[in-house]
Amino acid sequence: MTPVPEGWTPLLEELRPYVSPEWSRHASEHAGQGWIRLILLVDAHNQLSGPNVPEKVAMTMADLAREGSSEQMGWNALQERARDDRMELVARLVDAAESLLPTELVPLFIRSIEPSAVG
Protein backbone atom coordinates (compact mmCIF):
# COMPACT_ATOMS: atom_id res chain seq x y z
CA MET A 1 0.00 0.00 0.00
CA THR A 2 1.26 3.46 -0.88
CA PRO A 3 0.49 6.80 0.73
CA VAL A 4 -2.70 8.49 -0.41
CA PRO A 5 -1.89 11.17 -3.00
CA GLU A 6 -2.42 14.73 -1.85
CA GLY A 7 -5.17 15.53 -4.37
CA TRP A 8 -7.26 12.41 -3.74
CA THR A 9 -9.47 13.70 -0.91
CA PRO A 10 -10.40 17.01 -2.59
CA LEU A 11 -11.32 15.15 -5.78
CA LEU A 12 -13.46 12.71 -3.79
CA GLU A 13 -15.36 15.60 -2.27
CA GLU A 14 -16.06 17.01 -5.74
CA LEU A 15 -17.17 13.63 -7.03
CA ARG A 16 -19.30 12.68 -4.01
CA PRO A 17 -22.58 14.19 -5.36
CA TYR A 18 -22.17 12.25 -8.62
CA VAL A 19 -21.23 8.79 -7.36
CA SER A 20 -22.84 6.20 -5.11
CA PRO A 21 -22.17 5.97 -1.37
CA GLU A 22 -20.52 2.60 -2.06
CA TRP A 23 -18.13 4.25 -4.54
CA SER A 24 -17.27 6.92 -1.96
CA ARG A 25 -16.73 4.32 0.76
CA HIS A 26 -14.29 2.32 -1.40
CA ALA A 27 -12.54 5.52 -2.44
CA SER A 28 -11.99 6.48 1.19
CA GLU A 29 -11.18 3.05 2.60
CA HIS A 30 -8.82 1.88 -0.16
CA ALA A 31 -7.22 5.13 -1.29
CA GLY A 32 -3.74 3.78 -0.55
CA GLN A 33 -4.02 1.16 -3.29
CA GLY A 34 -3.11 2.41 -6.76
CA TRP A 35 -5.14 -0.24 -8.59
CA ILE A 36 -8.24 0.67 -6.60
CA ARG A 37 -7.75 4.37 -7.44
CA LEU A 38 -7.42 3.42 -11.11
CA ILE A 39 -10.65 1.43 -11.09
CA LEU A 40 -12.49 4.18 -9.23
CA LEU A 41 -11.25 6.93 -11.55
CA VAL A 42 -12.23 4.95 -14.64
CA ASP A 43 -15.63 4.22 -13.11
CA ALA A 44 -16.21 7.86 -12.16
CA HIS A 45 -15.19 8.95 -15.67
CA ASN A 46 -17.66 6.46 -17.12
CA GLN A 47 -20.48 7.67 -14.86
CA LEU A 48 -19.78 11.29 -15.75
CA SER A 49 -19.57 10.64 -19.49
CA GLY A 50 -23.32 10.84 -19.98
CA PRO A 51 -26.07 13.19 -18.83
CA ASN A 52 -26.78 13.13 -15.10
CA VAL A 53 -30.18 13.38 -13.41
CA PRO A 54 -30.39 17.21 -13.34
CA GLU A 55 -29.57 17.32 -17.06
CA LYS A 56 -32.19 14.66 -17.87
CA VAL A 57 -34.85 16.44 -15.83
CA ALA A 58 -34.08 19.77 -17.49
CA MET A 59 -34.10 18.19 -20.97
CA THR A 60 -37.45 16.52 -20.31
CA MET A 61 -39.01 19.65 -18.85
CA ALA A 62 -37.76 21.68 -21.82
CA ASP A 63 -39.35 19.13 -24.17
CA LEU A 64 -42.64 19.46 -22.28
CA ALA A 65 -42.63 23.26 -22.25
CA ARG A 66 -44.27 25.28 -24.99
CA GLU A 67 -41.93 25.69 -27.96
CA GLY A 68 -40.02 28.97 -27.78
CA SER A 69 -41.38 29.90 -24.36
CA SER A 70 -39.30 31.48 -21.62
CA GLU A 71 -39.98 28.34 -19.58
CA GLN A 72 -38.37 26.21 -22.28
CA MET A 73 -35.41 28.59 -22.53
CA GLY A 74 -34.97 28.43 -18.75
CA TRP A 75 -34.94 24.63 -18.71
CA ASN A 76 -32.50 24.61 -21.62
CA ALA A 77 -30.24 27.00 -19.71
CA LEU A 78 -30.37 24.75 -16.63
CA GLN A 79 -29.53 21.71 -18.74
CA GLU A 80 -26.59 23.47 -20.39
CA ARG A 81 -25.25 24.65 -17.02
CA ALA A 82 -25.49 21.14 -15.54
CA ARG A 83 -23.75 19.70 -18.62
CA ASP A 84 -20.99 22.32 -18.47
CA ASP A 85 -20.45 21.67 -14.74
CA ARG A 86 -20.26 17.91 -15.37
CA MET A 87 -17.80 18.34 -18.24
CA GLU A 88 -15.59 20.62 -16.13
CA LEU A 89 -15.51 17.93 -13.45
CA VAL A 90 -14.59 15.30 -16.04
CA ALA A 91 -11.72 17.52 -17.20
CA ARG A 92 -10.49 17.96 -13.61
CA LEU A 93 -10.67 14.20 -13.05
CA VAL A 94 -8.65 13.50 -16.21
CA ASP A 95 -6.11 16.21 -15.39
CA ALA A 96 -5.69 14.89 -11.83
CA ALA A 97 -5.28 11.24 -12.81
CA GLU A 98 -1.56 11.53 -13.55
CA SER A 99 -0.79 12.79 -10.05
CA LEU A 100 -3.23 10.38 -8.38
CA LEU A 101 -2.04 7.16 -10.01
CA PRO A 102 1.27 5.34 -9.96
CA THR A 103 3.21 6.07 -13.15
CA GLU A 104 2.72 2.56 -14.52
CA LEU A 105 -1.08 2.82 -14.21
CA VAL A 106 -1.52 6.14 -16.03
CA PRO A 107 -1.42 4.48 -19.51
CA LEU A 108 -4.14 2.06 -18.37
CA PHE A 109 -6.30 4.99 -17.28
CA ILE A 110 -5.82 6.71 -20.64
CA ARG A 111 -6.55 3.50 -22.53
CA SER A 112 -9.68 2.93 -20.44
CA ILE A 113 -11.17 6.36 -21.03
CA GLU A 114 -10.03 6.72 -24.65
CA PRO A 115 -9.74 3.31 -26.31
CA SER A 116 -9.10 5.00 -29.67
CA ALA A 117 -5.92 6.55 -28.21
CA VAL A 118 -4.27 3.15 -28.16
CA GLY A 119 -1.89 2.89 -31.10
C-alpha atoms as a PDB file:
ATOM      1  CA  MET A   1       0.000   0.000   0.000  1.00  0.00           C
ATOM      2  CA  THR A   2       1.258   3.462  -0.881  1.00  0.00           C
ATOM      3  CA  PRO A   3       0.491   6.800   0.725  1.00  0.00           C
ATOM      4  CA  VAL A   4      -2.705   8.487  -0.408  1.00  0.00           C
ATOM      5  CA  PRO A   5      -1.887  11.166  -3.000  1.00  0.00           C
ATOM      6  CA  GLU A   6      -2.423  14.725  -1.847  1.00  0.00           C
ATOM      7  CA  GLY A   7      -5.169  15.534  -4.366  1.00  0.00           C
ATOM      8  CA  TRP A   8      -7.256  12.411  -3.737  1.00  0.00           C
ATOM      9  CA  THR A   9      -9.466  13.697  -0.906  1.00  0.00           C
ATOM     10  CA  PRO A  10     -10.396  17.011  -2.595  1.00  0.00           C
ATOM     11  CA  LEU A  11     -11.321  15.146  -5.785  1.00  0.00           C
ATOM     12  CA  LEU A  12     -13.458  12.707  -3.786  1.00  0.00           C
ATOM     13  CA  GLU A  13     -15.360  15.605  -2.269  1.00  0.00           C
ATOM     14  CA  GLU A  14     -16.056  17.009  -5.737  1.00  0.00           C
ATOM     15  CA  LEU A  15     -17.175  13.625  -7.033  1.00  0.00           C
ATOM     16  CA  ARG A  16     -19.304  12.683  -4.011  1.00  0.00           C
ATOM     17  CA  PRO A  17     -22.582  14.192  -5.362  1.00  0.00           C
ATOM     18  CA  TYR A  18     -22.169  12.249  -8.623  1.00  0.00           C
ATOM     19  CA  VAL A  19     -21.227   8.786  -7.364  1.00  0.00           C
ATOM     20  CA  SER A  20     -22.840   6.202  -5.111  1.00  0.00           C
ATOM     21  CA  PRO A  21     -22.166   5.973  -1.372  1.00  0.00           C
ATOM     22  CA  GLU A  22     -20.516   2.604  -2.057  1.00  0.00           C
ATOM     23  CA  TRP A  23     -18.126   4.249  -4.536  1.00  0.00           C
ATOM     24  CA  SER A  24     -17.274   6.923  -1.956  1.00  0.00           C
ATOM     25  CA  ARG A  25     -16.728   4.316   0.759  1.00  0.00           C
ATOM     26  CA  HIS A  26     -14.295   2.319  -1.400  1.00  0.00           C
ATOM     27  CA  ALA A  27     -12.542   5.523  -2.442  1.00  0.00           C
ATOM     28  CA  SER A  28     -11.992   6.478   1.188  1.00  0.00           C
ATOM     29  CA  GLU A  29     -11.176   3.052   2.604  1.00  0.00           C
ATOM     30  CA  HIS A  30      -8.823   1.876  -0.160  1.00  0.00           C
ATOM     31  CA  ALA A  31      -7.216   5.129  -1.288  1.00  0.00           C
ATOM     32  CA  GLY A  32      -3.736   3.783  -0.550  1.00  0.00           C
ATOM     33  CA  GLN A  33      -4.023   1.165  -3.293  1.00  0.00           C
ATOM     34  CA  GLY A  34      -3.112   2.405  -6.765  1.00  0.00           C
ATOM     35  CA  TRP A  35      -5.145  -0.235  -8.586  1.00  0.00           C
ATOM     36  CA  ILE A  36      -8.245   0.671  -6.603  1.00  0.00           C
ATOM     37  CA  ARG A  37      -7.747   4.367  -7.435  1.00  0.00           C
ATOM     38  CA  LEU A  38      -7.416   3.421 -11.113  1.00  0.00           C
ATOM     39  CA  ILE A  39     -10.654   1.434 -11.086  1.00  0.00           C
ATOM     40  CA  LEU A  40     -12.494   4.181  -9.227  1.00  0.00           C
ATOM     41  CA  LEU A  41     -11.246   6.928 -11.547  1.00  0.00           C
ATOM     42  CA  VAL A  42     -12.228   4.946 -14.641  1.00  0.00           C
ATOM     43  CA  ASP A  43     -15.627   4.216 -13.110  1.00  0.00           C
ATOM     44  CA  ALA A  44     -16.212   7.863 -12.165  1.00  0.00           C
ATOM     45  CA  HIS A  45     -15.195   8.947 -15.670  1.00  0.00           C
ATOM     46  CA  ASN A  46     -17.661   6.457 -17.124  1.00  0.00           C
ATOM     47  CA  GLN A  47     -20.476   7.668 -14.856  1.00  0.00           C
ATOM     48  CA  LEU A  48     -19.779  11.290 -15.750  1.00  0.00           C
ATOM     49  CA  SER A  49     -19.567  10.637 -19.485  1.00  0.00           C
ATOM     50  CA  GLY A  50     -23.320  10.843 -19.980  1.00  0.00           C
ATOM     51  CA  PRO A  51     -26.066  13.188 -18.826  1.00  0.00           C
ATOM     52  CA  ASN A  52     -26.784  13.126 -15.105  1.00  0.00           C
ATOM     53  CA  VAL A  53     -30.184  13.384 -13.414  1.00  0.00           C
ATOM     54  CA  PRO A  54     -30.391  17.212 -13.344  1.00  0.00           C
ATOM     55  CA  GLU A  55     -29.572  17.319 -17.061  1.00  0.00           C
ATOM     56  CA  LYS A  56     -32.193  14.662 -17.870  1.00  0.00           C
ATOM     57  CA  VAL A  57     -34.855  16.436 -15.825  1.00  0.00           C
ATOM     58  CA  ALA A  58     -34.083  19.768 -17.489  1.00  0.00           C
ATOM     59  CA  MET A  59     -34.098  18.193 -20.975  1.00  0.00           C
ATOM     60  CA  THR A  60     -37.450  16.519 -20.305  1.00  0.00           C
ATOM     61  CA  MET A  61     -39.007  19.654 -18.853  1.00  0.00           C
ATOM     62  CA  ALA A  62     -37.762  21.681 -21.824  1.00  0.00           C
ATOM     63  CA  ASP A  63     -39.351  19.134 -24.166  1.00  0.00           C
ATOM     64  CA  LEU A  64     -42.644  19.456 -22.279  1.00  0.00           C
ATOM     65  CA  ALA A  65     -42.633  23.265 -22.255  1.00  0.00           C
ATOM     66  CA  ARG A  66     -44.267  25.283 -24.990  1.00  0.00           C
ATOM     67  CA  GLU A  67     -41.932  25.687 -27.959  1.00  0.00           C
ATOM     68  CA  GLY A  68     -40.017  28.973 -27.784  1.00  0.00           C
ATOM     69  CA  SER A  69     -41.376  29.899 -24.358  1.00  0.00           C
ATOM     70  CA  SER A  70     -39.301  31.480 -21.623  1.00  0.00           C
ATOM     71  CA  GLU A  71     -39.979  28.340 -19.582  1.00  0.00           C
ATOM     72  CA  GLN A  72     -38.366  26.213 -22.278  1.00  0.00           C
ATOM     73  CA  MET A  73     -35.408  28.595 -22.532  1.00  0.00           C
ATOM     74  CA  GLY A  74     -34.974  28.431 -18.750  1.00  0.00           C
ATOM     75  CA  TRP A  75     -34.944  24.634 -18.710  1.00  0.00           C
ATOM     76  CA  ASN A  76     -32.502  24.612 -21.623  1.00  0.00           C
ATOM     77  CA  ALA A  77     -30.237  27.002 -19.715  1.00  0.00           C
ATOM     78  CA  LEU A  78     -30.368  24.750 -16.631  1.00  0.00           C
ATOM     79  CA  GLN A  79     -29.527  21.709 -18.742  1.00  0.00           C
ATOM     80  CA  GLU A  80     -26.588  23.472 -20.391  1.00  0.00           C
ATOM     81  CA  ARG A  81     -25.250  24.648 -17.024  1.00  0.00           C
ATOM     82  CA  ALA A  82     -25.494  21.144 -15.542  1.00  0.00           C
ATOM     83  CA  ARG A  83     -23.752  19.704 -18.619  1.00  0.00           C
ATOM     84  CA  ASP A  84     -20.988  22.315 -18.467  1.00  0.00           C
ATOM     85  CA  ASP A  85     -20.446  21.672 -14.737  1.00  0.00           C
ATOM     86  CA  ARG A  86     -20.260  17.915 -15.374  1.00  0.00           C
ATOM     87  CA  MET A  87     -17.802  18.335 -18.238  1.00  0.00           C
ATOM     88  CA  GLU A  88     -15.589  20.622 -16.127  1.00  0.00           C
ATOM     89  CA  LEU A  89     -15.513  17.932 -13.446  1.00  0.00           C
ATOM     90  CA  VAL A  90     -14.587  15.298 -16.043  1.00  0.00           C
ATOM     91  CA  ALA A  91     -11.723  17.518 -17.199  1.00  0.00           C
ATOM     92  CA  ARG A  92     -10.488  17.965 -13.611  1.00  0.00           C
ATOM     93  CA  LEU A  93     -10.667  14.200 -13.052  1.00  0.00           C
ATOM     94  CA  VAL A  94      -8.647  13.500 -16.211  1.00  0.00           C
ATOM     95  CA  ASP A  95      -6.108  16.214 -15.385  1.00  0.00           C
ATOM     96  CA  ALA A  96      -5.694  14.886 -11.832  1.00  0.00           C
ATOM     97  CA  ALA A  97      -5.276  11.240 -12.811  1.00  0.00           C
ATOM     98  CA  GLU A  98      -1.563  11.528 -13.549  1.00  0.00           C
ATOM     99  CA  SER A  99      -0.795  12.792 -10.049  1.00  0.00           C
ATOM    100  CA  LEU A 100      -3.230  10.378  -8.378  1.00  0.00           C
ATOM    101  CA  LEU A 101      -2.039   7.164 -10.012  1.00  0.00           C
ATOM    102  CA  PRO A 102       1.275   5.336  -9.961  1.00  0.00           C
ATOM    103  CA  THR A 103       3.207   6.073 -13.153  1.00  0.00           C
ATOM    104  CA  GLU A 104       2.720   2.558 -14.516  1.00  0.00           C
ATOM    105  CA  LEU A 105      -1.084   2.816 -14.213  1.00  0.00           C
ATOM    106  CA  VAL A 106      -1.519   6.138 -16.031  1.00  0.00           C
ATOM    107  CA  PRO A 107      -1.421   4.481 -19.509  1.00  0.00           C
ATOM    108  CA  LEU A 108      -4.137   2.065 -18.373  1.00  0.00           C
ATOM    109  CA  PHE A 109      -6.299   4.990 -17.283  1.00  0.00           C
ATOM    110  CA  ILE A 110      -5.819   6.707 -20.639  1.00  0.00           C
ATOM    111  CA  ARG A 111      -6.554   3.498 -22.527  1.00  0.00           C
ATOM    112  CA  SER A 112      -9.675   2.925 -20.437  1.00  0.00           C
ATOM    113  CA  ILE A 113     -11.169   6.362 -21.027  1.00  0.00           C
ATOM    114  CA  GLU A 114     -10.030   6.720 -24.651  1.00  0.00           C
ATOM    115  CA  PRO A 115      -9.740   3.313 -26.307  1.00  0.00           C
ATOM    116  CA  SER A 116      -9.099   4.997 -29.667  1.00  0.00           C
ATOM    117  CA  ALA A 117      -5.920   6.553 -28.211  1.00  0.00           C
ATOM    118  CA  VAL A 118      -4.273   3.149 -28.164  1.00  0.00           C
ATOM    119  CA  GLY A 119      -1.893   2.888 -31.101  1.00  0.00           C
END
